[in-house]
């Protein structure tokens, strides 16, 4: 039996969580709204867990600095840790997608159910974090769309696809 423990803080009625952040190059934003790129911290983490050993098992994390850390564990094309960078406007875009989706108000599956495969999506913003557990059944469509769009923007598809070797060049160069 697999037991997943997710610690969540649900923000209800918090005005700041609903504000979209300006793009990094926007000059019209006040200083209090701009993300702090000086202190590295994780923004999004997507963790695919395969208890059966049949599904891709990996974790990808996006940091406010643009650093993307991919940790392939099994059934992926790249086993081990790979680090790459994305542009800061991409970081802002992903953060804004999660804010606009009202991620802190989305429901999560019961993490104590024994399943062979699940995905945890964590968003960290304004000192709060929430993890949504996706058991591939009953999670809102917006959660799936956020996860897929984020993974596409982070460019990890070739690292996950066992039939692709192009990721070796793009990540390790």
Foldseek 3Di string as FASTA:
>chain_A
DDFDDWDFDFDDPDPLLQDQADFPPDPPDDPVRHDDLPDKDWFKKKFKPFQPLPAWGKMWIAILNQKIWIAGPHQWQDHGIFIDGDDNSLVSVLSRLCSNVSVSPFAADRRGDDDRIKMWMWGDDPNGIGIHIGRVPDGDPSVVVSVVVNCVSNPCVNRGDNVHDVVVVVGPD
